[in-house]
Amino acid sequence: MDVMAVLWDRGSATVAEVRDRLDDDLAYNTVLTILRILERKGLAGRRKHGRAHRYRPLLGRAEAGRSILGRLRDKVFCGSAELLMTQLVTEEELSPDAVRRLRRLLNRQLAAEDRPEQEDEE
């Protein structure tokens, strides 16, 4: 994910550019291997740029986030979105504005679920 974050932030980067932007001091060949794996999995693409290759993300942050959250929910929280959300909300110090935004989202979800029941009763 750290390598993908560099690609998302820069749009595209060479192996050396990715390596320079990582917090960890990884060898050039290690970064190259990670980029090749990302390319094989269809998450990154590359184009020849002089003697080097420029890698670019083929998967957006939002798509990656959905995929990662789904795996996290399934593997760590036994498939429970409620447990995942509870963990996030209790571990983070949310601002009052953030709590209000979350409350609005949850209220919309409740309203959407209530509508079909009301139509069935009529």
PDB file of N, CA and C in Angstrom:
ATOM      1  N   MET A   1       0.829  -1.190   0.000  1.00  0.00           N
ATOM      2  CA  MET A   1       0.000   0.000   0.000  1.00  0.00           C
ATOM      3  C   MET A   1       0.873   1.253   0.000  1.00  0.00           C
ATOM      4  N   ASP A   2       2.033   1.190   0.635  1.00  0.00           N
ATOM      5  CA  ASP A   2       2.925   2.348   0.641  1.00  0.00           C
ATOM      6  C   ASP A   2       3.373   2.701  -0.774  1.00  0.00           C
ATOM      7  N   VAL A   3       3.682   1.682  -1.562  1.00  0.00           N
ATOM      8  CA  VAL A   3       4.105   1.913  -2.944  1.00  0.00           C
ATOM      9  C   VAL A   3       2.936   2.471  -3.753  1.00  0.00           C
ATOM     10  N   MET A   4       1.753   1.907  -3.574  1.00  0.00           N
ATOM     11  CA  MET A   4       0.578   2.434  -4.284  1.00  0.00           C
ATOM     12  C   MET A   4       0.317   3.880  -3.875  1.00  0.00           C
ATOM     13  N   ALA A   5       0.509   4.221  -2.616  1.00  0.00           N
ATOM     14  CA  ALA A   5       0.284   5.594  -2.147  1.00  0.00           C
ATOM     15  C   ALA A   5       1.203   6.567  -2.886  1.00  0.00           C
ATOM     16  N   VAL A   6       2.440   6.161  -3.131  1.00  0.00           N
ATOM     17  CA  VAL A   6       3.361   7.015  -3.897  1.00  0.00           C
ATOM     18  C   VAL A   6       2.826   7.205  -5.311  1.00  0.00           C
ATOM     19  N   LEU A   7       2.377   6.131  -5.939  1.00  0.00           N
ATOM     20  CA  LEU A   7       1.849   6.238  -7.299  1.00  0.00           C
ATOM     21  C   LEU A   7       0.589   7.105  -7.334  1.00  0.00           C
ATOM     22  N   TRP A   8      -0.286   6.949  -6.353  1.00  0.00           N
ATOM     23  CA  TRP A   8      -1.497   7.778  -6.303  1.00  0.00           C
ATOM     24  C   TRP A   8      -1.131   9.245  -6.118  1.00  0.00           C
ATOM     25  N   ASP A   9      -0.179   9.529  -5.246  1.00  0.00           N
ATOM     26  CA  ASP A   9       0.212  10.913  -4.966  1.00  0.00           C
ATOM     27  C   ASP A   9       0.892  11.571  -6.168  1.00  0.00           C
ATOM     28  N   ARG A  10       1.746  10.831  -6.843  1.00  0.00           N
ATOM     29  CA  ARG A  10       2.534  11.399  -7.951  1.00  0.00           C
ATOM     30  C   ARG A  10       1.879  11.223  -9.311  1.00  0.00           C
ATOM     31  N   GLY A  11       0.974  10.264  -9.434  1.00  0.00           N
ATOM     32  CA  GLY A  11       0.388   9.972 -10.742  1.00  0.00           C
ATOM     33  C   GLY A  11       1.177   8.908 -11.477  1.00  0.00           C
ATOM     34  N   SER A  12       2.495   9.042 -11.481  1.00  0.00           N
ATOM     35  CA  SER A  12       3.385   8.018 -12.020  1.00  0.00           C
ATOM     36  C   SER A  12       4.764   8.250 -11.425  1.00  0.00           C
ATOM     37  N   ALA A  13       5.590   7.203 -11.437  1.00  0.00           N
ATOM     38  CA  ALA A  13       6.925   7.323 -10.848  1.00  0.00           C
ATOM     39  C   ALA A  13       7.806   6.181 -11.335  1.00  0.00           C
ATOM     40  N   THR A  14       9.105   6.440 -11.361  1.00  0.00           N
ATOM     41  CA  THR A  14      10.072   5.383 -11.640  1.00  0.00           C
ATOM     42  C   THR A  14      10.341   4.629 -10.340  1.00  0.00           C
ATOM     43  N   VAL A  15      11.045   3.528 -10.459  1.00  0.00           N
ATOM     44  CA  VAL A  15      11.405   2.756  -9.267  1.00  0.00           C
ATOM     45  C   VAL A  15      12.191   3.633  -8.293  1.00  0.00           C
ATOM     46  N   ALA A  16      13.149   4.392  -8.808  1.00  0.00           N
ATOM     47  CA  ALA A  16      13.977   5.246  -7.946  1.00  0.00           C
ATOM     48  C   ALA A  16      13.127   6.313  -7.257  1.00  0.00           C
ATOM     49  N   GLU A  17      12.177   6.897  -7.978  1.00  0.00           N
ATOM     50  CA  GLU A  17      11.315   7.918  -7.380  1.00  0.00           C
ATOM     51  C   GLU A  17      10.438   7.321  -6.277  1.00  0.00           C
ATOM     52  N   VAL A  18       9.913   6.127  -6.522  1.00  0.00           N
ATOM     53  CA  VAL A  18       9.106   5.462  -5.488  1.00  0.00           C
ATOM     54  C   VAL A  18       9.978   5.202  -4.269  1.00  0.00           C
ATOM     55  N   ARG A  19      11.155   4.647  -4.496  1.00  0.00           N
ATOM     56  CA  ARG A  19      12.075   4.309  -3.400  1.00  0.00           C
ATOM     57  C   ARG A  19      12.409   5.544  -2.565  1.00  0.00           C
ATOM     58  N   ASP A  20      12.652   6.670  -3.231  1.00  0.00           N
ATOM     59  CA  ASP A  20      13.005   7.906  -2.518  1.00  0.00           C
ATOM     60  C   ASP A  20      11.866   8.429  -1.651  1.00  0.00           C
ATOM     61  N   ARG A  21      10.628   8.119  -2.006  1.00  0.00           N
ATOM     62  CA  ARG A  21       9.476   8.657  -1.285  1.00  0.00           C
ATOM     63  C   ARG A  21       8.980   7.735  -0.162  1.00  0.00           C
ATOM     64  N   LEU A  22       9.511   6.526  -0.091  1.00  0.00           N
ATOM     65  CA  LEU A  22       9.085   5.584   0.948  1.00  0.00           C
ATOM     66  C   LEU A  22       9.770   5.889   2.277  1.00  0.00           C
ATOM     67  N   ASP A  23       9.043   5.691   3.365  1.00  0.00           N
ATOM     68  CA  ASP A  23       9.616   5.879   4.700  1.00  0.00           C
ATOM     69  C   ASP A  23      10.649   4.791   5.004  1.00  0.00           C
ATOM     70  N   ASP A  24      10.371   3.576   4.553  1.00  0.00           N
ATOM     71  CA  ASP A  24      11.299   2.463   4.795  1.00  0.00           C
ATOM     72  C   ASP A  24      12.466   2.544   3.820  1.00  0.00           C
ATOM     73  N   ASP A  25      13.626   2.139   4.269  1.00  0.00           N
ATOM     74  CA  ASP A  25      14.821   2.151   3.425  1.00  0.00           C
ATOM     75  C   ASP A  25      14.927   0.808   2.701  1.00  0.00           C
ATOM     76  N   LEU A  26      14.177   0.687   1.612  1.00  0.00           N
ATOM     77  CA  LEU A  26      14.160  -0.561   0.851  1.00  0.00           C
ATOM     78  C   LEU A  26      15.172  -0.506  -0.287  1.00  0.00           C
ATOM     79  N   ALA A  27      15.708  -1.668  -0.618  1.00  0.00           N
ATOM     80  CA  ALA A  27      16.630  -1.761  -1.744  1.00  0.00           C
ATOM     81  C   ALA A  27      15.875  -1.502  -3.056  1.00  0.00           C
ATOM     82  N   TYR A  28      16.590  -0.999  -4.035  1.00  0.00           N
ATOM     83  CA  TYR A  28      16.017  -0.730  -5.359  1.00  0.00           C
ATOM     84  C   TYR A  28      15.315  -1.973  -5.891  1.00  0.00           C
ATOM     85  N   ASN A  29      15.996  -3.124  -5.801  1.00  0.00           N
ATOM     86  CA  ASN A  29      15.421  -4.367  -6.334  1.00  0.00           C
ATOM     87  C   ASN A  29      14.156  -4.783  -5.595  1.00  0.00           C
ATOM     88  N   THR A  30      14.063  -4.480  -4.322  1.00  0.00           N
ATOM     89  CA  THR A  30      12.856  -4.788  -3.552  1.00  0.00           C
ATOM     90  C   THR A  30      11.684  -3.968  -4.063  1.00  0.00           C
ATOM     91  N   VAL A  31      11.908  -2.670  -4.279  1.00  0.00           N
ATOM     92  CA  VAL A  31      10.847  -1.796  -4.808  1.00  0.00           C
ATOM     93  C   VAL A  31      10.457  -2.250  -6.207  1.00  0.00           C
ATOM     94  N   LEU A  32      11.441  -2.598  -7.029  1.00  0.00           N
ATOM     95  CA  LEU A  32      11.165  -3.098  -8.378  1.00  0.00           C
ATOM     96  C   LEU A  32      10.308  -4.357  -8.320  1.00  0.00           C
ATOM     97  N   THR A  33      10.630  -5.267  -7.428  1.00  0.00           N
ATOM     98  CA  THR A  33       9.852  -6.503  -7.277  1.00  0.00           C
ATOM     99  C   THR A  33       8.413  -6.194  -6.876  1.00  0.00           C
ATOM    100  N   ILE A  34       8.241  -5.272  -5.944  1.00  0.00           N
ATOM    101  CA  ILE A  34       6.886  -4.895  -5.510  1.00  0.00           C
ATOM    102  C   ILE A  34       6.108  -4.297  -6.680  1.00  0.00           C
ATOM    103  N   LEU A  35       6.739  -3.414  -7.444  1.00  0.00           N
ATOM    104  CA  LEU A  35       6.064  -2.803  -8.599  1.00  0.00           C
ATOM    105  C   LEU A  35       5.706  -3.854  -9.647  1.00  0.00           C
ATOM    106  N   ARG A  36       6.578  -4.809  -9.872  1.00  0.00           N
ATOM    107  CA  ARG A  36       6.281  -5.881 -10.839  1.00  0.00           C
ATOM    108  C   ARG A  36       5.111  -6.742 -10.360  1.00  0.00           C
ATOM    109  N   ILE A  37       5.047  -7.005  -9.058  1.00  0.00           N
ATOM    110  CA  ILE A  37       3.923  -7.767  -8.502  1.00  0.00           C
ATOM    111  C   ILE A  37       2.625  -6.975  -8.684  1.00  0.00           C
ATOM    112  N   LEU A  38       2.672  -5.673  -8.381  1.00  0.00           N
ATOM    113  CA  LEU A  38       1.486  -4.824  -8.568  1.00  0.00           C
ATOM    114  C   LEU A  38       1.054  -4.813 -10.032  1.00  0.00           C
ATOM    115  N   GLU A  39       2.025  -4.800 -10.929  1.00  0.00           N
ATOM    116  CA  GLU A  39       1.717  -4.834 -12.364  1.00  0.00           C
ATOM    117  C   GLU A  39       1.078  -6.174 -12.750  1.00  0.00           C
ATOM    118  N   ARG A  40       1.638  -7.271 -12.263  1.00  0.00           N
ATOM    119  CA  ARG A  40       1.087  -8.605 -12.556  1.00  0.00           C
ATOM    120  C   ARG A  40      -0.345  -8.745 -12.058  1.00  0.00           C
ATOM    121  N   LYS A  41      -0.644  -8.119 -10.920  1.00  0.00           N
ATOM    122  CA  LYS A  41      -1.989  -8.189 -10.345  1.00  0.00           C
ATOM    123  C   LYS A  41      -2.950  -7.195 -10.984  1.00  0.00           C
ATOM    124  N   GLY A  42      -2.454  -6.384 -11.924  1.00  0.00           N
ATOM    125  CA  GLY A  42      -3.315  -5.423 -12.596  1.00  0.00           C
ATOM    126  C   GLY A  42      -3.581  -4.160 -11.796  1.00  0.00           C
ATOM    127  N   LEU A  43      -2.773  -3.910 -10.780  1.00  0.00           N
ATOM    128  CA  LEU A  43      -2.953  -2.729  -9.941  1.00  0.00           C
ATOM    129  C   LEU A  43      -2.115  -1.546 -10.412  1.00  0.00           C
ATOM    130  N   ALA A  44      -1.068  -1.829 -11.186  1.00  0.00           N
ATOM    131  CA  ALA A  44      -0.198  -0.784 -11.717  1.00  0.00           C
ATOM    132  C   ALA A  44       0.172  -1.136 -13.156  1.00  0.00           C
ATOM    133  N   GLY A  45       0.453  -0.109 -13.931  1.00  0.00           N
ATOM    134  CA  GLY A  45       0.907  -0.303 -15.305  1.00  0.00           C
ATOM    135  C   GLY A  45       2.243   0.389 -15.469  1.00  0.00           C
ATOM    136  N   ARG A  46       2.948   0.072 -16.531  1.00  0.00           N
ATOM    137  CA  ARG A  46       4.235   0.731 -16.756  1.00  0.00           C
ATOM    138  C   ARG A  46       4.402   1.097 -18.215  1.00  0.00           C
ATOM    139  N   ARG A  47       5.226   2.117 -18.417  1.00  0.00           N
ATOM    140  CA  ARG A  47       5.536   2.603 -19.753  1.00  0.00           C
ATOM    141  C   ARG A  47       7.023   2.934 -19.781  1.00  0.00           C
ATOM    142  N   LYS A  48       7.669   2.617 -20.893  1.00  0.00           N
ATOM    143  CA  LYS A  48       9.099   2.911 -21.056  1.00  0.00           C
ATOM    144  C   LYS A  48       9.286   4.421 -21.070  1.00  0.00           C
ATOM    145  N   HIS A  49      10.257   4.888 -20.313  1.00  0.00           N
ATOM    146  CA  HIS A  49      10.556   6.323 -20.219  1.00  0.00           C
ATOM    147  C   HIS A  49      12.077   6.464 -20.231  1.00  0.00           C
ATOM    148  N   GLY A  50      12.656   6.626 -21.407  1.00  0.00           N
ATOM    149  CA  GLY A  50      14.122   6.622 -21.520  1.00  0.00           C
ATOM    150  C   GLY A  50      14.647   5.239 -21.201  1.00  0.00           C
ATOM    151  N   ARG A  51      15.583   5.168 -20.290  1.00  0.00           N
ATOM    152  CA  ARG A  51      16.139   3.871 -19.888  1.00  0.00           C
ATOM    153  C   ARG A  51      15.331   3.236 -18.770  1.00  0.00           C
ATOM    154  N   ALA A  52      14.451   4.006 -18.151  1.00  0.00           N
ATOM    155  CA  ALA A  52      13.670   3.506 -17.008  1.00  0.00           C
ATOM    156  C   ALA A  52      12.229   3.238 -17.444  1.00  0.00           C
ATOM    157  N   HIS A  53      11.464   2.715 -16.525  1.00  0.00           N
ATOM    158  CA  HIS A  53      10.025   2.548 -16.714  1.00  0.00           C
ATOM    159  C   HIS A  53       9.313   3.452 -15.713  1.00  0.00           C
ATOM    160  N   ARG A  54       8.219   4.033 -16.155  1.00  0.00           N
ATOM    161  CA  ARG A  54       7.362   4.812 -15.255  1.00  0.00           C
ATOM    162  C   ARG A  54       6.146   3.952 -14.951  1.00  0.00           C
ATOM    163  N   TYR A  55       5.866   3.808 -13.667  1.00  0.00           N
ATOM    164  CA  TYR A  55       4.722   3.032 -13.212  1.00  0.00           C
ATOM    165  C   TYR A  55       3.606   3.993 -12.844  1.00  0.00           C
ATOM    166  N   ARG A  56       2.366   3.580 -13.106  1.00  0.00           N
ATOM    167  CA  ARG A  56       1.199   4.396 -12.761  1.00  0.00           C
ATOM    168  C   ARG A  56       0.135   3.498 -12.152  1.00  0.00           C
ATOM    169  N   PRO A  57      -0.693   4.046 -11.292  1.00  0.00           N
ATOM    170  CA  PRO A  57      -1.740   3.214 -10.673  1.00  0.00           C
ATOM    171  C   PRO A  57      -2.857   2.916 -11.678  1.00  0.00           C
ATOM    172  N   LEU A  58      -3.337   1.709 -11.670  1.00  0.00           N
ATOM    173  CA  LEU A  58      -4.487   1.324 -12.496  1.00  0.00           C
ATOM    174  C   LEU A  58      -5.737   1.158 -11.641  1.00  0.00           C
ATOM    175  N   LEU A  59      -5.553   1.203 -10.340  1.00  0.00           N
ATOM    176  CA  LEU A  59      -6.645   1.086  -9.377  1.00  0.00           C
ATOM    177  C   LEU A  59      -6.670   2.361  -8.556  1.00  0.00           C
ATOM    178  N   GLY A  60      -7.843   2.977  -8.432  1.00  0.00           N
ATOM    179  CA  GLY A  60      -7.964   4.205  -7.661  1.00  0.00           C
ATOM    180  C   GLY A  60      -7.963   3.950  -6.166  1.00  0.00           C
ATOM    181  N   ARG A  61      -7.733   5.009  -5.407  1.00  0.00           N
ATOM    182  CA  ARG A  61      -7.727   4.909  -3.941  1.00  0.00           C
ATOM    183  C   ARG A  61      -9.060   4.389  -3.409  1.00  0.00           C
ATOM    184  N   ALA A  62     -10.159   4.907  -3.946  1.00  0.00           N
ATOM    185  CA  ALA A  62     -11.479   4.502  -3.442  1.00  0.00           C
ATOM    186  C   ALA A  62     -11.720   3.013  -3.682  1.00  0.00           C
ATOM    187  N   GLU A  63     -11.358   2.535  -4.882  1.00  0.00           N
ATOM    188  CA  GLU A  63     -11.523   1.106  -5.178  1.00  0.00           C
ATOM    189  C   GLU A  63     -10.668   0.257  -4.245  1.00  0.00           C
ATOM    190  N   ALA A  64      -9.438   0.684  -4.040  1.00  0.00           N
ATOM    191  CA  ALA A  64      -8.543  -0.053  -3.140  1.00  0.00           C
ATOM    192  C   ALA A  64      -9.090  -0.042  -1.723  1.00  0.00           C
ATOM    193  N   GLY A  65      -9.613   1.103  -1.308  1.00  0.00           N
ATOM    194  CA  GLY A  65     -10.181   1.208   0.031  1.00  0.00           C
ATOM    195  C   GLY A  65     -11.343   0.253   0.230  1.00  0.00           C
ATOM    196  N   ARG A  66     -12.223   0.171  -0.776  1.00  0.00           N
ATOM    197  CA  ARG A  66     -13.359  -0.757  -0.674  1.00  0.00           C
ATOM    198  C   ARG A  66     -12.871  -2.201  -0.563  1.00  0.00           C
ATOM    199  N   SER A  67     -11.904  -2.536  -1.372  1.00  0.00           N
ATOM    200  CA  SER A  67     -11.376  -3.906  -1.367  1.00  0.00           C
ATOM    201  C   SER A  67     -10.709  -4.237  -0.030  1.00  0.00           C
ATOM    202  N   ILE A  68      -9.894  -3.330   0.464  1.00  0.00           N
ATOM    203  CA  ILE A  68      -9.176  -3.561   1.718  1.00  0.00           C
ATOM    204  C   ILE A  68     -10.150  -3.632   2.884  1.00  0.00           C
ATOM    205  N   LEU A  69     -11.109  -2.703   2.926  1.00  0.00           N
ATOM    206  CA  LEU A  69     -12.091  -2.724   4.020  1.00  0.00           C
ATOM    207  C   LEU A  69     -12.913  -4.007   3.993  1.00  0.00           C
ATOM    208  N   GLY A  70     -13.262  -4.465   2.813  1.00  0.00           N
ATOM    209  CA  GLY A  70     -14.011  -5.714   2.703  1.00  0.00           C
ATOM    210  C   GLY A  70     -13.222  -6.895   3.251  1.00  0.00           C
ATOM    211  N   ARG A  71     -11.942  -6.954   2.894  1.00  0.00           N
ATOM    212  CA  ARG A  71     -11.096  -8.045   3.404  1.00  0.00           C
ATOM    213  C   ARG A  71     -10.902  -7.931   4.903  1.00  0.00           C
ATOM    214  N   LEU A  72     -10.685  -6.707   5.380  1.00  0.00           N
ATOM    215  CA  LEU A  72     -10.517  -6.475   6.818  1.00  0.00           C
ATOM    216  C   LEU A  72     -11.784  -6.885   7.570  1.00  0.00           C
ATOM    217  N   ARG A  73     -12.930  -6.457   7.061  1.00  0.00           N
ATOM    218  CA  ARG A  73     -14.211  -6.825   7.684  1.00  0.00           C
ATOM    219  C   ARG A  73     -14.352  -8.339   7.750  1.00  0.00           C
ATOM    220  N   ASP A  74     -14.069  -9.012   6.635  1.00  0.00           N
ATOM    221  CA  ASP A  74     -14.266 -10.456   6.571  1.00  0.00           C
ATOM    222  C   ASP A  74     -13.255 -11.229   7.423  1.00  0.00           C
ATOM    223  N   LYS A  75     -11.998 -10.843   7.375  1.00  0.00           N
ATOM    224  CA  LYS A  75     -10.948 -11.626   8.035  1.00  0.00           C
ATOM    225  C   LYS A  75     -10.777 -11.292   9.524  1.00  0.00           C
ATOM    226  N   VAL A  76     -10.899 -10.024   9.889  1.00  0.00           N
ATOM    227  CA  VAL A  76     -10.635  -9.620  11.267  1.00  0.00           C
ATOM    228  C   VAL A  76     -11.920  -9.506  12.083  1.00  0.00           C
ATOM    229  N   PHE A  77     -12.993  -9.044  11.442  1.00  0.00           N
ATOM    230  CA  PHE A  77     -14.236  -8.777  12.166  1.00  0.00           C
ATOM    231  C   PHE A  77     -15.350  -9.764  11.810  1.00  0.00           C
ATOM    232  N   CYS A  78     -14.956 -10.954  11.353  1.00  0.00           N
ATOM    233  CA  CYS A  78     -15.904 -12.052  11.079  1.00  0.00           C
ATOM    234  C   CYS A  78     -17.057 -11.614  10.171  1.00  0.00           C
ATOM    235  N   GLY A  79     -16.768 -10.743   9.220  1.00  0.00           N
ATOM    236  CA  GLY A  79     -17.788 -10.312   8.269  1.00  0.00           C
ATOM    237  C   GLY A  79     -18.727  -9.233   8.800  1.00  0.00           C
ATOM    238  N   SER A  80     -18.467  -8.703   9.981  1.00  0.00           N
ATOM    239  CA  SER A  80     -19.373  -7.747  10.608  1.00  0.00           C
ATOM    240  C   SER A  80     -18.934  -6.303  10.354  1.00  0.00           C
ATOM    241  N   ALA A  81     -19.698  -5.587   9.536  1.00  0.00           N
ATOM    242  CA  ALA A  81     -19.439  -4.164   9.321  1.00  0.00           C
ATOM    243  C   ALA A  81     -19.654  -3.390  10.613  1.00  0.00           C
ATOM    244  N   GLU A  82     -20.611  -3.843  11.424  1.00  0.00           N
ATOM    245  CA  GLU A  82     -20.884  -3.168  12.703  1.00  0.00           C
ATOM    246  C   GLU A  82     -19.663  -3.216  13.619  1.00  0.00           C
ATOM    247  N   LEU A  83     -19.029  -4.385  13.733  1.00  0.00           N
ATOM    248  CA  LEU A  83     -17.833  -4.496  14.577  1.00  0.00           C
ATOM    249  C   LEU A  83     -16.689  -3.640  14.034  1.00  0.00           C
ATOM    250  N   LEU A  84     -16.526  -3.621  12.721  1.00  0.00           N
ATOM    251  CA  LEU A  84     -15.494  -2.801  12.102  1.00  0.00           C
ATOM    252  C   LEU A  84     -15.735  -1.324  12.401  1.00  0.00           C
ATOM    253  N   MET A  85     -16.966  -0.863  12.196  1.00  0.00           N
ATOM    254  CA  MET A  85     -17.283   0.544  12.463  1.00  0.00           C
ATOM    255  C   MET A  85     -17.137   0.887  13.936  1.00  0.00           C
ATOM    256  N   THR A  86     -17.572  -0.020  14.804  1.00  0.00           N
ATOM    257  CA  THR A  86     -17.440   0.213  16.241  1.00  0.00           C
ATOM    258  C   THR A  86     -15.980   0.382  16.615  1.00  0.00           C
ATOM    259  N   GLN A  87     -15.123  -0.448  16.080  1.00  0.00           N
ATOM    260  CA  GLN A  87     -13.680  -0.350  16.339  1.00  0.00           C
ATOM    261  C   GLN A  87     -13.143   0.999  15.865  1.00  0.00           C
ATOM    262  N   LEU A  88     -13.502   1.397  14.666  1.00  0.00           N
ATOM    263  CA  LEU A  88     -13.023   2.673  14.128  1.00  0.00           C
ATOM    264  C   LEU A  88     -13.491   3.857  14.963  1.00  0.00           C
ATOM    265  N   VAL A  89     -14.759   3.857  15.327  1.00  0.00           N
ATOM    266  CA  VAL A  89     -15.316   4.994  16.067  1.00  0.00           C
ATOM    267  C   VAL A  89     -14.750   5.075  17.478  1.00  0.00           C
ATOM    268  N   THR A  90     -14.543   3.938  18.124  1.00  0.00           N
ATOM    269  CA  THR A  90     -14.043   3.980  19.501  1.00  0.00           C
ATOM    270  C   THR A  90     -12.543   4.257  19.557  1.00  0.00           C
ATOM    271  N   GLU A  91     -11.801   3.921  18.511  1.00  0.00           N
ATOM    272  CA  GLU A  91     -10.346   4.114  18.519  1.00  0.00           C
ATOM    273  C   GLU A  91      -9.930   5.509  18.077  1.00  0.00           C
ATOM    274  N   GLU A  92     -10.765   6.202  17.348  1.00  0.00           N
ATOM    275  CA  GLU A  92     -10.429   7.519  16.816  1.00  0.00           C
ATOM    276  C   GLU A  92     -11.077   8.615  17.643  1.00  0.00           C
ATOM    277  N   GLU A  93     -10.397   9.722  17.775  1.00  0.00           N
ATOM    278  CA  GLU A  93     -10.993  10.896  18.403  1.00  0.00           C
ATOM    279  C   GLU A  93     -11.638  11.710  17.300  1.00  0.00           C
ATOM    280  N   LEU A  94     -12.937  11.537  17.133  1.00  0.00           N
ATOM    281  CA  LEU A  94     -13.658  12.205  16.059  1.00  0.00           C
ATOM    282  C   LEU A  94     -14.113  13.592  16.498  1.00  0.00           C
ATOM    283  N   SER A  95     -14.031  14.513  15.572  1.00  0.00           N
ATOM    284  CA  SER A  95     -14.509  15.867  15.854  1.00  0.00           C
ATOM    285  C   SER A  95     -16.038  15.840  15.885  1.00  0.00           C
ATOM    286  N   PRO A  96     -16.645  16.832  16.524  1.00  0.00           N
ATOM    287  CA  PRO A  96     -18.115  16.900  16.512  1.00  0.00           C
ATOM    288  C   PRO A  96     -18.683  16.942  15.089  1.00  0.00           C
ATOM    289  N   ASP A  97     -17.995  17.625  14.169  1.00  0.00           N
ATOM    290  CA  ASP A  97     -18.459  17.657  12.773  1.00  0.00           C
ATOM    291  C   ASP A  97     -18.417  16.266  12.146  1.00  0.00           C
ATOM    292  N   ALA A  98     -17.373  15.514  12.428  1.00  0.00           N
ATOM    293  CA  ALA A  98     -17.266  14.158  11.884  1.00  0.00           C
ATOM    294  C   ALA A  98     -18.381  13.276  12.436  1.00  0.00           C
ATOM    295  N   VAL A  99     -18.672  13.410  13.722  1.00  0.00           N
ATOM    296  CA  VAL A  99     -19.760  12.631  14.328  1.00  0.00           C
ATOM    297  C   VAL A  99     -21.090  12.991  13.684  1.00  0.00           C
ATOM    298  N   ARG A 100     -21.303  14.288  13.439  1.00  0.00           N
ATOM    299  CA  ARG A 100     -22.561  14.713  12.787  1.00  0.00           C
ATOM    300  C   ARG A 100     -22.672  14.133  11.379  1.00  0.00           C
ATOM    301  N   ARG A 101     -21.565  14.131  10.631  1.00  0.00           N
ATOM    302  CA  ARG A 101     -21.586  13.564   9.269  1.00  0.00           C
ATOM    303  C   ARG A 101     -21.900  12.066   9.323  1.00  0.00           C
ATOM    304  N   LEU A 102     -21.288  11.364  10.257  1.00  0.00           N
ATOM    305  CA  LEU A 102     -21.569   9.932  10.413  1.00  0.00           C
ATOM    306  C   LEU A 102     -23.030   9.705  10.803  1.00  0.00           C
ATOM    307  N   ARG A 103     -23.533  10.522  11.692  1.00  0.00           N
ATOM    308  CA  ARG A 103     -24.929  10.399  12.119  1.00  0.00           C
ATOM    309  C   ARG A 103     -25.871  10.608  10.917  1.00  0.00           C
ATOM    310  N   ARG A 104     -25.562  11.609  10.090  1.00  0.00           N
ATOM    311  CA  ARG A 104     -26.400  11.843   8.897  1.00  0.00           C
ATOM    312  C   ARG A 104     -26.377  10.633   7.968  1.00  0.00           C
ATOM    313  N   LEU A 105     -25.189  10.053   7.758  1.00  0.00           N
ATOM    314  CA  LEU A 105     -25.090   8.856   6.906  1.00  0.00           C
ATOM    315  C   LEU A 105     -25.907   7.699   7.477  1.00  0.00           C
ATOM    316  N   LEU A 106     -25.802   7.488   8.775  1.00  0.00           N
ATOM    317  CA  LEU A 106     -26.551   6.402   9.407  1.00  0.00           C
ATOM    318  C   LEU A 106     -28.052   6.675   9.363  1.00  0.00           C
ATOM    319  N   ASN A 107     -28.455   7.927   9.560  1.00  0.00           N
ATOM    320  CA  ASN A 107     -29.883   8.276   9.474  1.00  0.00           C
ATOM    321  C   ASN A 107     -30.418   8.044   8.064  1.00  0.00           C
ATOM    322  N   ARG A 108     -29.620   8.379   7.047  1.00  0.00           N
ATOM    323  CA  ARG A 108     -30.041   8.107   5.659  1.00  0.00           C
ATOM    324  C   ARG A 108     -30.203   6.609   5.425  1.00  0.00           C
ATOM    325  N   GLN A 109     -29.282   5.837   5.973  1.00  0.00           N
ATOM    326  CA  GLN A 109     -29.357   4.370   5.834  1.00  0.00           C
ATOM    327  C   GLN A 109     -30.629   3.843   6.487  1.00  0.00           C
ATOM    328  N   LEU A 110     -30.931   4.337   7.683  1.00  0.00           N
ATOM    329  CA  LEU A 110     -32.155   3.924   8.367  1.00  0.00           C
ATOM    330  C   LEU A 110     -33.399   4.318   7.576  1.00  0.00           C
ATOM    331  N   ALA A 111     -33.404   5.535   7.057  1.00  0.00           N
ATOM    332  CA  ALA A 111     -34.558   6.012   6.285  1.00  0.00           C
ATOM    333  C   ALA A 111     -34.752   5.171   5.028  1.00  0.00           C
ATOM    334  N   ALA A 112     -33.660   4.808   4.376  1.00  0.00           N
ATOM    335  CA  ALA A 112     -33.754   3.985   3.168  1.00  0.00           C
ATOM    336  C   ALA A 112     -34.292   2.594   3.491  1.00  0.00           C
ATOM    337  N   GLU A 113     -33.922   2.053   4.631  1.00  0.00           N
ATOM    338  CA  GLU A 113     -34.404   0.733   5.028  1.00  0.00           C
ATOM    339  C   GLU A 113     -35.858   0.778   5.481  1.00  0.00           C
ATOM    340  N   ASP A 114     -36.292   1.896   6.038  1.00  0.00           N
ATOM    341  CA  ASP A 114     -37.678   2.032   6.505  1.00  0.00           C
ATOM    342  C   ASP A 114     -38.663   2.178   5.354  1.00  0.00           C
ATOM    343  N   ARG A 115     -38.255   2.789   4.260  1.00  0.00           N
ATOM    344  CA  ARG A 115     -39.167   3.029   3.133  1.00  0.00           C
ATOM    345  C   ARG A 115     -39.791   1.764   2.554  1.00  0.00           C
ATOM    346  N   PRO A 116     -39.043   0.736   2.240  1.00  0.00           N
ATOM    347  CA  PRO A 116     -39.684  -0.468   1.673  1.00  0.00           C
ATOM    348  C   PRO A 116     -40.712  -1.095   2.610  1.00  0.00           C
ATOM    349  N   GLU A 117     -40.447  -1.059   3.925  1.00  0.00           N
ATOM    350  CA  GLU A 117     -41.400  -1.628   4.886  1.00  0.00           C
ATOM    351  C   GLU A 117     -42.717  -0.851   4.858  1.00  0.00           C
ATOM    352  N   GLN A 118     -42.627   0.472   4.762  1.00  0.00           N
ATOM    353  CA  GLN A 118     -43.834   1.290   4.738  1.00  0.00           C
ATOM    354  C   GLN A 118     -44.642   1.010   3.488  1.00  0.00           C
ATOM    355  N   GLU A 119     -43.965   0.815   2.340  1.00  0.00           N
ATOM    356  CA  GLU A 119     -44.668   0.537   1.089  1.00  0.00           C
ATOM    357  C   GLU A 119     -45.355  -0.819   1.156  1.00  0.00           C
ATOM    358  N   ASP A 120     -44.725  -1.814   1.819  1.00  0.00           N
ATOM    359  CA  ASP A 120     -45.330  -3.138   1.945  1.00  0.00           C
ATOM    360  C   ASP A 120     -46.598  -3.110   2.791  1.00  0.00           C
ATOM    361  N   GLU A 121     -46.624  -2.240   3.786  1.00  0.00           N
ATOM    362  CA  GLU A 121     -47.760  -2.165   4.694  1.00  0.00           C
ATOM    363  C   GLU A 121     -48.977  -1.545   4.029  1.00  0.00           C
ATOM    364  N   GLU A 122     -48.764  -0.713   2.998  1.00  0.00           N
ATOM    365  CA  GLU A 122     -49.869  -0.004   2.367  1.00  0.00           C
ATOM    366  C   GLU A 122     -50.673  -0.864   1.453  1.00  0.00           C
TER     367      GLU A 122
END
